[in-house]
PDB file of N, CA and C in Angstrom:
ATOM      1  N   UNK A   1      54.311-145.826  38.218  1.00  0.00           N
ATOM      2  CA  UNK A   1      55.335-144.663  38.605  1.00  0.00           C
ATOM      3  C   UNK A   1      53.185-144.165  38.837  1.00  0.00           C
ATOM      4  N   UNK A   2      52.668-143.967  37.706  1.00  0.00           N
ATOM      5  CA  UNK A   2      51.356-143.191  37.733  1.00  0.00           C
ATOM      6  C   UNK A   2      50.519-143.263  39.162  1.00  0.00           C
ATOM      7  N   UNK A   3      50.634-145.319  39.836  1.00  0.00           N
ATOM      8  CA  UNK A   3      49.778-144.393  40.938  1.00  0.00           C
ATOM      9  C   UNK A   3      50.184-144.145  42.285  1.00  0.00           C
ATOM     10  N   UNK A   4      51.820-144.122  42.128  1.00  0.00           N
ATOM     11  CA  UNK A   4      52.657-143.743  43.174  1.00  0.00           C
ATOM     12  C   UNK A   4      52.314-141.975  43.355  1.00  0.00           C
ATOM     13  N   UNK A   5      52.167-140.991  42.076  1.00  0.00           N
ATOM     14  CA  UNK A   5      52.040-140.159  42.122  1.00  0.00           C
ATOM     15  C   UNK A   5      50.933-139.800  42.738  1.00  0.00           C
ATOM     16  N   UNK A   6      49.761-140.254  41.616  1.00  0.00           N
ATOM     17  CA  UNK A   6      48.105-140.184  42.484  1.00  0.00           C
ATOM     18  C   UNK A   6      47.903-140.346  43.706  1.00  0.00           C
ATOM     19  N   UNK A   7      48.830-141.264  44.007  1.00  0.00           N
ATOM     20  CA  UNK A   7      48.882-141.668  45.713  1.00  0.00           C
ATOM     21  C   UNK A   7      49.322-140.505  46.704  1.00  0.00           C
ATOM     22  N   UNK A   8      50.412-139.827  46.309  1.00  0.00           N
ATOM     23  CA  UNK A   8      51.175-138.796  47.112  1.00  0.00           C
ATOM     24  C   UNK A   8      50.822-137.422  46.681  1.00  0.00           C
ATOM     25  N   UNK A   9      49.882-137.192  45.487  1.00  0.00           N
ATOM     26  CA  UNK A   9      49.034-135.907  45.558  1.00  0.00           C
ATOM     27  C   UNK A   9      47.982-136.030  46.419  1.00  0.00           C
ATOM     28  N   UNK A  10      47.485-136.764  46.644  1.00  0.00           N
ATOM     29  CA  UNK A  10      45.756-137.012  47.228  1.00  0.00           C
ATOM     30  C   UNK A  10      46.786-137.254  48.518  1.00  0.00           C
ATOM     31  N   UNK A  11      48.041-138.028  49.045  1.00  0.00           N
ATOM     32  CA  UNK A  11      48.473-137.675  49.909  1.00  0.00           C
ATOM     33  C   UNK A  11      49.229-136.100  50.932  1.00  0.00           C
ATOM     34  N   UNK A  12      50.042-135.397  50.194  1.00  0.00           N
ATOM     35  CA  UNK A  12      49.706-134.039  50.263  1.00  0.00           C
ATOM     36  C   UNK A  12      48.924-133.340  50.646  1.00  0.00           C
ATOM     37  N   UNK A  13      48.272-133.645  49.522  1.00  0.00           N
ATOM     38  CA  UNK A  13      46.787-132.833  49.772  1.00  0.00           C
ATOM     39  C   UNK A  13      46.054-132.657  51.479  1.00  0.00           C
ATOM     40  N   UNK A  14      46.007-134.051  51.625  1.00  0.00           N
ATOM     41  CA  UNK A  14      45.694-134.358  53.606  1.00  0.00           C
ATOM     42  C   UNK A  14      46.441-133.950  54.018  1.00  0.00           C
ATOM     43  N   UNK A  15      47.552-133.820  54.353  1.00  0.00           N
ATOM     44  CA  UNK A  15      49.000-133.394  55.072  1.00  0.00           C
ATOM     45  C   UNK A  15      48.445-131.563  54.406  1.00  0.00           C
ATOM     46  N   UNK A  16      48.273-131.534  53.603  1.00  0.00           N
ATOM     47  CA  UNK A  16      48.364-129.509  53.518  1.00  0.00           C
ATOM     48  C   UNK A  16      46.851-128.874  54.443  1.00  0.00           C
ATOM     49  N   UNK A  17      46.295-129.925  54.460  1.00  0.00           N
ATOM     50  CA  UNK A  17      44.975-130.130  54.847  1.00  0.00           C
ATOM     51  C   UNK A  17      44.298-129.823  56.177  1.00  0.00           C
ATOM     52  N   UNK A  18      45.683-130.931  56.582  1.00  0.00           N
ATOM     53  CA  UNK A  18      45.841-130.788  57.842  1.00  0.00           C
ATOM     54  C   UNK A  18      46.879-129.908  58.772  1.00  0.00           C
ATOM     55  N   UNK A  19      47.534-129.245  57.772  1.00  0.00           N
ATOM     56  CA  UNK A  19      48.403-127.882  58.317  1.00  0.00           C
ATOM     57  C   UNK A  19      47.543-127.119  58.661  1.00  0.00           C
ATOM     58  N   UNK A  20      46.965-126.340  57.949  1.00  0.00           N
ATOM     59  CA  UNK A  20      46.378-125.252  57.404  1.00  0.00           C
ATOM     60  C   UNK A  20      45.384-124.709  58.897  1.00  0.00           C
ATOM     61  N   UNK A  21      45.109-125.365  59.940  1.00  0.00           N
ATOM     62  CA  UNK A  21      44.501-124.926  61.083  1.00  0.00           C
ATOM     63  C   UNK A  21      45.287-124.570  61.853  1.00  0.00           C
ATOM     64  N   UNK A  22      46.506-125.641  62.045  1.00  0.00           N
ATOM     65  CA  UNK A  22      47.238-125.443  63.062  1.00  0.00           C
ATOM     66  C   UNK A  22      48.350-123.910  62.435  1.00  0.00           C
ATOM     67  N   UNK A  23      48.526-123.366  61.163  1.00  0.00           N
ATOM     68  CA  UNK A  23      49.283-122.296  60.072  1.00  0.00           C
ATOM     69  C   UNK A  23      48.576-121.529  61.572  1.00  0.00           C
ATOM     70  N   UNK A  24      47.526-121.165  60.867  1.00  0.00           N
ATOM     71  CA  UNK A  24      46.377-119.681  61.511  1.00  0.00           C
ATOM     72  C   UNK A  24      46.229-119.790  62.732  1.00  0.00           C
ATOM     73  N   UNK A  25      45.939-121.209  63.502  1.00  0.00           N
ATOM     74  CA  UNK A  25      46.431-120.734  64.810  1.00  0.00           C
ATOM     75  C   UNK A  25      47.954-120.225  65.253  1.00  0.00           C
ATOM     76  N   UNK A  26      49.195-120.899  64.127  1.00  0.00           N
ATOM     77  CA  UNK A  26      50.494-120.325  64.677  1.00  0.00           C
ATOM     78  C   UNK A  26      50.312-118.820  64.269  1.00  0.00           C
ATOM     79  N   UNK A  27      49.958-118.256  63.060  1.00  0.00           N
ATOM     80  CA  UNK A  27      49.886-117.061  63.053  1.00  0.00           C
ATOM     81  C   UNK A  27      48.790-116.115  63.980  1.00  0.00           C
ATOM     82  N   UNK A  28      47.485-116.558  64.643  1.00  0.00           N
ATOM     83  CA  UNK A  28      46.944-115.876  65.879  1.00  0.00           C
ATOM     84  C   UNK A  28      48.142-115.768  67.164  1.00  0.00           C
ATOM     85  N   UNK A  29      48.583-116.911  67.350  1.00  0.00           N
ATOM     86  CA  UNK A  29      49.257-116.169  68.661  1.00  0.00           C
ATOM     87  C   UNK A  29      50.952-115.530  68.269  1.00  0.00           C
ATOM     88  N   UNK A  30      51.228-115.471  67.175  1.00  0.00           N
ATOM     89  CA  UNK A  30      52.189-114.712  66.530  1.00  0.00           C
ATOM     90  C   UNK A  30      51.913-113.808  66.865  1.00  0.00           C
ATOM     91  N   UNK A  31      50.723-113.276  66.421  1.00  0.00           N
ATOM     92  CA  UNK A  31      50.765-112.067  66.939  1.00  0.00           C
ATOM     93  C   UNK A  31      50.518-111.039  68.239  1.00  0.00           C
ATOM     94  N   UNK A  32      49.904-111.960  69.261  1.00  0.00           N
ATOM     95  CA  UNK A  32      50.077-111.884  70.801  1.00  0.00           C
ATOM     96  C   UNK A  32      51.194-111.744  71.030  1.00  0.00           C
ATOM     97  N   UNK A  33      52.198-112.745  70.777  1.00  0.00           N
ATOM     98  CA  UNK A  33      53.694-113.167  71.517  1.00  0.00           C
ATOM     99  C   UNK A  33      54.751-113.306  70.662  1.00  0.00           C
ATOM    100  N   UNK A  34      55.132-112.220  70.398  1.00  0.00           N
ATOM    101  CA  UNK A  34      56.592-112.557  70.270  1.00  0.00           C
ATOM    102  C   UNK A  34      57.687-113.413  70.345  1.00  0.00           C
ATOM    103  N   UNK A  35      57.527-113.723  71.241  1.00  0.00           N
ATOM    104  CA  UNK A  35      58.528-114.921  71.452  1.00  0.00           C
ATOM    105  C   UNK A  35      58.253-116.317  71.372  1.00  0.00           C
ATOM    106  N   UNK A  36      56.914-116.533  70.828  1.00  0.00           N
ATOM    107  CA  UNK A  36      55.949-117.318  69.863  1.00  0.00           C
ATOM    108  C   UNK A  36      56.939-117.643  68.691  1.00  0.00           C
ATOM    109  N   UNK A  37      57.377-116.417  68.081  1.00  0.00           N
ATOM    110  CA  UNK A  37      58.014-116.758  66.680  1.00  0.00           C
ATOM    111  C   UNK A  37      59.492-117.560  66.866  1.00  0.00           C
ATOM    112  N   UNK A  38      60.218-116.645  68.262  1.00  0.00           N
ATOM    113  CA  UNK A  38      61.377-117.206  68.326  1.00  0.00           C
ATOM    114  C   UNK A  38      61.861-118.721  68.052  1.00  0.00           C
ATOM    115  N   UNK A  39      60.495-119.661  68.722  1.00  0.00           N
ATOM    116  CA  UNK A  39      59.989-121.645  68.392  1.00  0.00           C
ATOM    117  C   UNK A  39      60.560-121.707  67.035  1.00  0.00           C
ATOM    118  N   UNK A  40      60.177-120.480  66.284  1.00  0.00           N
ATOM    119  CA  UNK A  40      59.776-120.851  64.835  1.00  0.00           C
ATOM    120  C   UNK A  40      62.027-121.140  63.994  1.00  0.00           C
ATOM    121  N   UNK A  41      62.444-120.849  64.744  1.00  0.00           N
ATOM    122  CA  UNK A  41      64.245-121.070  64.721  1.00  0.00           C
ATOM    123  C   UNK A  41      64.692-122.065  65.456  1.00  0.00           C
ATOM    124  N   UNK A  42      63.912-122.889  66.081  1.00  0.00           N
ATOM    125  CA  UNK A  42      64.284-124.152  66.046  1.00  0.00           C
ATOM    126  C   UNK A  42      64.537-125.221  64.905  1.00  0.00           C
ATOM    127  N   UNK A  43      66.134-125.894  64.529  1.00  0.00           N
ATOM    128  CA  UNK A  43      66.180-126.760  63.538  1.00  0.00           C
ATOM    129  C   UNK A  43      65.282-127.579  63.223  1.00  0.00           C
ATOM    130  N   UNK A  44      64.314-128.362  64.029  1.00  0.00           N
ATOM    131  CA  UNK A  44      63.365-128.511  63.778  1.00  0.00           C
ATOM    132  C   UNK A  44      61.842-128.493  63.162  1.00  0.00           C
ATOM    133  N   UNK A  45      61.727-127.532  63.607  1.00  0.00           N
ATOM    134  CA  UNK A  45      60.817-126.737  62.622  1.00  0.00           C
ATOM    135  C   UNK A  45      61.787-126.092  61.183  1.00  0.00           C
ATOM    136  N   UNK A  46      62.265-125.807  60.948  1.00  0.00           N
ATOM    137  CA  UNK A  46      63.082-125.268  59.794  1.00  0.00           C
ATOM    138  C   UNK A  46      62.653-127.158  59.212  1.00  0.00           C
ATOM    139  N   UNK A  47      63.196-128.124  59.209  1.00  0.00           N
ATOM    140  CA  UNK A  47      62.988-128.835  58.994  1.00  0.00           C
ATOM    141  C   UNK A  47      61.437-129.423  58.137  1.00  0.00           C
ATOM    142  N   UNK A  48      60.801-129.215  58.934  1.00  0.00           N
ATOM    143  CA  UNK A  48      59.071-129.292  58.884  1.00  0.00           C
ATOM    144  C   UNK A  48      58.771-127.911  57.773  1.00  0.00           C
ATOM    145  N   UNK A  49      59.504-126.885  57.624  1.00  0.00           N
ATOM    146  CA  UNK A  49      59.385-125.711  56.576  1.00  0.00           C
ATOM    147  C   UNK A  49      60.119-126.241  55.810  1.00  0.00           C
ATOM    148  N   UNK A  50      60.591-126.801  55.118  1.00  0.00           N
ATOM    149  CA  UNK A  50      61.237-128.051  54.044  1.00  0.00           C
ATOM    150  C   UNK A  50      60.282-128.324  53.388  1.00  0.00           C
ATOM    151  N   UNK A  51      59.160-129.409  54.137  1.00  0.00           N
ATOM    152  CA  UNK A  51      58.796-130.488  54.218  1.00  0.00           C
ATOM    153  C   UNK A  51      57.651-130.437  53.620  1.00  0.00           C
ATOM    154  N   UNK A  52      57.473-128.939  54.727  1.00  0.00           N
ATOM    155  CA  UNK A  52      55.754-127.547  53.733  1.00  0.00           C
ATOM    156  C   UNK A  52      56.108-127.889  52.006  1.00  0.00           C
ATOM    157  N   UNK A  53      57.388-127.281  51.839  1.00  0.00           N
ATOM    158  CA  UNK A  53      57.798-126.660  50.861  1.00  0.00           C
ATOM    159  C   UNK A  53      57.777-128.002  49.644  1.00  0.00           C
ATOM    160  N   UNK A  54      58.378-128.570  50.143  1.00  0.00           N
ATOM    161  CA  UNK A  54      58.120-130.129  48.852  1.00  0.00           C
ATOM    162  C   UNK A  54      56.644-130.474  48.954  1.00  0.00           C
ATOM    163  N   UNK A  55      55.986-130.817  49.846  1.00  0.00           N
ATOM    164  CA  UNK A  55      54.832-131.359  50.173  1.00  0.00           C
ATOM    165  C   UNK A  55      53.354-130.212  48.649  1.00  0.00           C
ATOM    166  N   UNK A  56      53.609-128.925  49.062  1.00  0.00           N
ATOM    167  CA  UNK A  56      53.490-127.875  48.555  1.00  0.00           C
ATOM    168  C   UNK A  56      53.453-128.278  46.227  1.00  0.00           C
ATOM    169  N   UNK A  57      54.924-128.151  46.712  1.00  0.00           N
ATOM    170  CA  UNK A  57      55.354-128.529  45.580  1.00  0.00           C
ATOM    171  C   UNK A  57      54.997-129.741  44.793  1.00  0.00           C
ATOM    172  N   UNK A  58      54.825-130.426  45.609  1.00  0.00           N
ATOM    173  CA  UNK A  58      54.220-132.216  45.172  1.00  0.00           C
ATOM    174  C   UNK A  58      52.691-132.159  44.699  1.00  0.00           C
ATOM    175  N   UNK A  59      52.318-131.176  45.545  1.00  0.00           N
ATOM    176  CA  UNK A  59      50.895-130.720  45.253  1.00  0.00           C
ATOM    177  C   UNK A  59      50.441-130.271  43.903  1.00  0.00           C
ATOM    178  N   UNK A  60      50.510-129.431  43.557  1.00  0.00           N
ATOM    179  CA  UNK A  60      51.122-128.059  43.114  1.00  0.00           C
ATOM    180  C   UNK A  60      51.156-128.976  41.297  1.00  0.00           C
ATOM    181  N   UNK A  61      52.621-129.689  41.194  1.00  0.00           N
ATOM    182  CA  UNK A  61      53.238-130.504  40.109  1.00  0.00           C
ATOM    183  C   UNK A  61      52.293-132.040  40.169  1.00  0.00           C
ATOM    184  N   UNK A  62      51.397-132.750  41.186  1.00  0.00           N
ATOM    185  CA  UNK A  62      50.664-133.133  41.286  1.00  0.00           C
ATOM    186  C   UNK A  62      49.200-132.845  40.401  1.00  0.00           C
ATOM    187  N   UNK A  63      49.020-131.815  40.982  1.00  0.00           N
ATOM    188  CA  UNK A  63      47.754-131.438  40.011  1.00  0.00           C
ATOM    189  C   UNK A  63      47.899-130.725  38.513  1.00  0.00           C
ATOM    190  N   UNK A  64      49.152-130.315  37.853  1.00  0.00           N
ATOM    191  CA  UNK A  64      48.533-129.884  37.079  1.00  0.00           C
ATOM    192  C   UNK A  64      49.177-131.161  36.381  1.00  0.00           C
ATOM    193  N   UNK A  65      49.423-131.988  36.576  1.00  0.00           N
ATOM    194  CA  UNK A  65      49.202-133.571  35.663  1.00  0.00           C
ATOM    195  C   UNK A  65      48.572-133.988  35.466  1.00  0.00           C
ATOM    196  N   UNK A  66      47.549-133.953  36.233  1.00  0.00           N
ATOM    197  CA  UNK A  66      45.959-134.964  36.137  1.00  0.00           C
ATOM    198  C   UNK A  66      44.890-134.167  34.749  1.00  0.00           C
ATOM    199  N   UNK A  67      45.620-132.596  35.481  1.00  0.00           N
ATOM    200  CA  UNK A  67      44.752-131.012  34.624  1.00  0.00           C
ATOM    201  C   UNK A  67      45.571-131.630  33.412  1.00  0.00           C
ATOM    202  N   UNK A  68      46.818-132.003  32.726  1.00  0.00           N
ATOM    203  CA  UNK A  68      46.964-132.253  31.395  1.00  0.00           C
ATOM    204  C   UNK A  68      46.729-133.739  31.011  1.00  0.00           C
ATOM    205  N   UNK A  69      46.645-134.310  31.973  1.00  0.00           N
ATOM    206  CA  UNK A  69      46.061-135.964  31.726  1.00  0.00           C
ATOM    207  C   UNK A  69      44.437-136.006  31.091  1.00  0.00           C
ATOM    208  N   UNK A  70      43.737-134.959  31.737  1.00  0.00           N
ATOM    209  CA  UNK A  70      42.286-134.919  31.481  1.00  0.00           C
ATOM    210  C   UNK A  70      42.287-133.846  30.718  1.00  0.00           C
ATOM    211  N   UNK A  71      42.841-133.146  30.143  1.00  0.00           N
ATOM    212  CA  UNK A  71      42.152-132.194  29.342  1.00  0.00           C
ATOM    213  C   UNK A  71      43.409-132.142  27.362  1.00  0.00           C
ATOM    214  N   UNK A  72      44.443-132.350  28.073  1.00  0.00           N
ATOM    215  CA  UNK A  72      45.134-132.815  26.196  1.00  0.00           C
ATOM    216  C   UNK A  72      44.963-134.246  26.355  1.00  0.00           C
ATOM    217  N   UNK A  73      44.713-133.709  24.817  1.00  0.00           N
ATOM    218  CA  UNK A  73      45.027-135.372  24.442  1.00  0.00           C
ATOM    219  C   UNK A  73      46.143-136.806  24.573  1.00  0.00           C
ATOM    220  N   UNK A  74      45.994-137.972  24.742  1.00  0.00           N
ATOM    221  CA  UNK A  74      47.263-138.911  25.451  1.00  0.00           C
ATOM    222  C   UNK A  74      47.940-138.670  23.904  1.00  0.00           C
ATOM    223  N   UNK A  75      49.059-138.820  24.595  1.00  0.00           N
ATOM    224  CA  UNK A  75      50.628-138.674  23.651  1.00  0.00           C
ATOM    225  C   UNK A  75      51.144-139.427  24.934  1.00  0.00           C
ATOM    226  N   UNK A  76      52.285-140.447  23.595  1.00  0.00           N
ATOM    227  CA  UNK A  76      53.744-140.842  24.620  1.00  0.00           C
ATOM    228  C   UNK A  76      54.256-140.336  25.985  1.00  0.00           C
ATOM    229  N   UNK A  77      54.536-139.300  26.025  1.00  0.00           N
ATOM    230  CA  UNK A  77      54.721-138.256  26.703  1.00  0.00           C
ATOM    231  C   UNK A  77      54.453-137.880  27.965  1.00  0.00           C
ATOM    232  N   UNK A  78      53.000-138.791  27.853  1.00  0.00           N
ATOM    233  CA  UNK A  78      52.230-138.561  29.193  1.00  0.00           C
ATOM    234  C   UNK A  78      53.187-139.327  30.472  1.00  0.00           C
ATOM    235  N   UNK A  79      53.712-140.479  30.115  1.00  0.00           N
ATOM    236  CA  UNK A  79      54.214-141.105  31.424  1.00  0.00           C
ATOM    237  C   UNK A  79      55.547-140.228  31.873  1.00  0.00           C
ATOM    238  N   UNK A  80      56.252-140.038  30.846  1.00  0.00           N
ATOM    239  CA  UNK A  80      57.032-138.746  31.545  1.00  0.00           C
ATOM    240  C   UNK A  80      56.114-137.695  32.196  1.00  0.00           C
ATOM    241  N   UNK A  81      55.362-137.193  32.337  1.00  0.00           N
ATOM    242  CA  UNK A  81      55.122-136.052  33.525  1.00  0.00           C
ATOM    243  C   UNK A  81      55.222-136.609  35.022  1.00  0.00           C
ATOM    244  N   UNK A  82      55.274-137.994  35.163  1.00  0.00           N
ATOM    245  CA  UNK A  82      55.336-138.695  36.482  1.00  0.00           C
ATOM    246  C   UNK A  82      56.335-138.003  36.705  1.00  0.00           C
ATOM    247  N   UNK A  83      58.144-138.536  36.196  1.00  0.00           N
ATOM    248  CA  UNK A  83      59.485-137.418  36.739  1.00  0.00           C
ATOM    249  C   UNK A  83      59.158-136.075  36.170  1.00  0.00           C
ATOM    250  N   UNK A  84      58.771-135.829  35.708  1.00  0.00           N
ATOM    251  CA  UNK A  84      58.327-134.706  36.121  1.00  0.00           C
ATOM    252  C   UNK A  84      57.940-133.707  36.975  1.00  0.00           C
ATOM    253  N   UNK A  85      57.066-134.410  37.524  1.00  0.00           N
ATOM    254  CA  UNK A  85      56.358-133.942  38.886  1.00  0.00           C
ATOM    255  C   UNK A  85      57.513-134.474  40.355  1.00  0.00           C
ATOM    256  N   UNK A  86      57.415-135.760  39.645  1.00  0.00           N
ATOM    257  CA  UNK A  86      59.014-135.920  40.970  1.00  0.00           C
ATOM    258  C   UNK A  86      60.098-135.234  40.732  1.00  0.00           C
ATOM    259  N   UNK A  87      60.780-134.270  40.002  1.00  0.00           N
ATOM    260  CA  UNK A  87      61.791-134.023  40.017  1.00  0.00           C
ATOM    261  C   UNK A  87      61.171-132.027  40.271  1.00  0.00           C
ATOM    262  N   UNK A  88      60.362-132.008  40.327  1.00  0.00           N
ATOM    263  CA  UNK A  88      59.464-130.257  40.265  1.00  0.00           C
ATOM    264  C   UNK A  88      59.696-130.503  41.976  1.00  0.00           C
ATOM    265  N   UNK A  89      59.325-131.523  42.164  1.00  0.00           N
ATOM    266  CA  UNK A  89      59.011-131.779  44.187  1.00  0.00           C
ATOM    267  C   UNK A  89      60.258-131.222  44.745  1.00  0.00           C
ATOM    268  N   UNK A  90      61.367-132.318  44.122  1.00  0.00           N
ATOM    269  CA  UNK A  90      62.337-132.417  44.921  1.00  0.00           C
ATOM    270  C   UNK A  90      63.724-130.563  44.592  1.00  0.00           C
ATOM    271  N   UNK A  91      63.068-131.145  43.030  1.00  0.00           N
ATOM    272  CA  UNK A  91      64.364-129.206  42.327  1.00  0.00           C
ATOM    273  C   UNK A  91      63.386-127.910  43.592  1.00  0.00           C
ATOM    274  N   UNK A  92      61.837-128.152  43.768  1.00  0.00           N
ATOM    275  CA  UNK A  92      61.806-127.024  44.819  1.00  0.00           C
ATOM    276  C   UNK A  92      61.865-126.858  46.012  1.00  0.00           C
ATOM    277  N   UNK A  93      62.246-128.618  46.400  1.00  0.00           N
ATOM    278  CA  UNK A  93      62.850-128.403  48.311  1.00  0.00           C
ATOM    279  C   UNK A  93      63.740-128.419  47.952  1.00  0.00           C
ATOM    280  N   UNK A  94      65.115-128.536  47.409  1.00  0.00           N
ATOM    281  CA  UNK A  94      66.137-128.528  47.043  1.00  0.00           C
ATOM    282  C   UNK A  94      66.589-127.221  47.167  1.00  0.00           C
ATOM    283  N   UNK A  95      65.719-125.793  46.459  1.00  0.00           N
ATOM    284  CA  UNK A  95      65.938-125.296  45.702  1.00  0.00           C
ATOM    285  C   UNK A  95      65.416-124.188  47.890  1.00  0.00           C
ATOM    286  N   UNK A  96      64.322-124.523  48.335  1.00  0.00           N
ATOM    287  CA  UNK A  96      64.705-123.625  49.584  1.00  0.00           C
ATOM    288  C   UNK A  96      65.358-124.398  50.430  1.00  0.00           C
ATOM    289  N   UNK A  97      66.137-125.771  50.530  1.00  0.00           N
ATOM    290  CA  UNK A  97      66.555-125.918  52.010  1.00  0.00           C
ATOM    291  C   UNK A  97      67.552-125.122  51.379  1.00  0.00           C
ATOM    292  N   UNK A  98      68.362-124.577  50.381  1.00  0.00           N
ATOM    293  CA  UNK A  98      70.029-124.278  50.015  1.00  0.00           C
ATOM    294  C   UNK A  98      69.481-122.646  50.320  1.00  0.00           C
ATOM    295  N   UNK A  99      68.220-122.037  49.708  1.00  0.00           N
ATOM    296  CA  UNK A  99      68.596-121.115  50.768  1.00  0.00           C
ATOM    297  C   UNK A  99      68.136-120.171  52.174  1.00  0.00           C
ATOM    298  N   UNK A 100      67.738-121.906  53.025  1.00  0.00           N
ATOM    299  CA  UNK A 100      67.914-121.769  54.286  1.00  0.00           C
ATOM    300  C   UNK A 100      69.497-121.390  54.922  1.00  0.00           C
TER     301      UNK A 100
END
């Protein structure tokens, strides 16, 4: 499970790094054209926003897990961190989806 979470942490970080230039480009376009913002109301874009929130939550929780494993003494509960990371990411995504 820890290998999968480590992979998910790295992949979510890569996806977020690829997302940032697009995000800044969209912000720049939104300042010029109000009609461009109407594009963000499409269902596919709303779904992509939900995916972004899940990626951010996954990356945050995975980073905290790595910090805890690095700086805290090893305990039996360390394996439970994996379930906590996945649960946190899904809960954040669900909370965001329900608020839409």
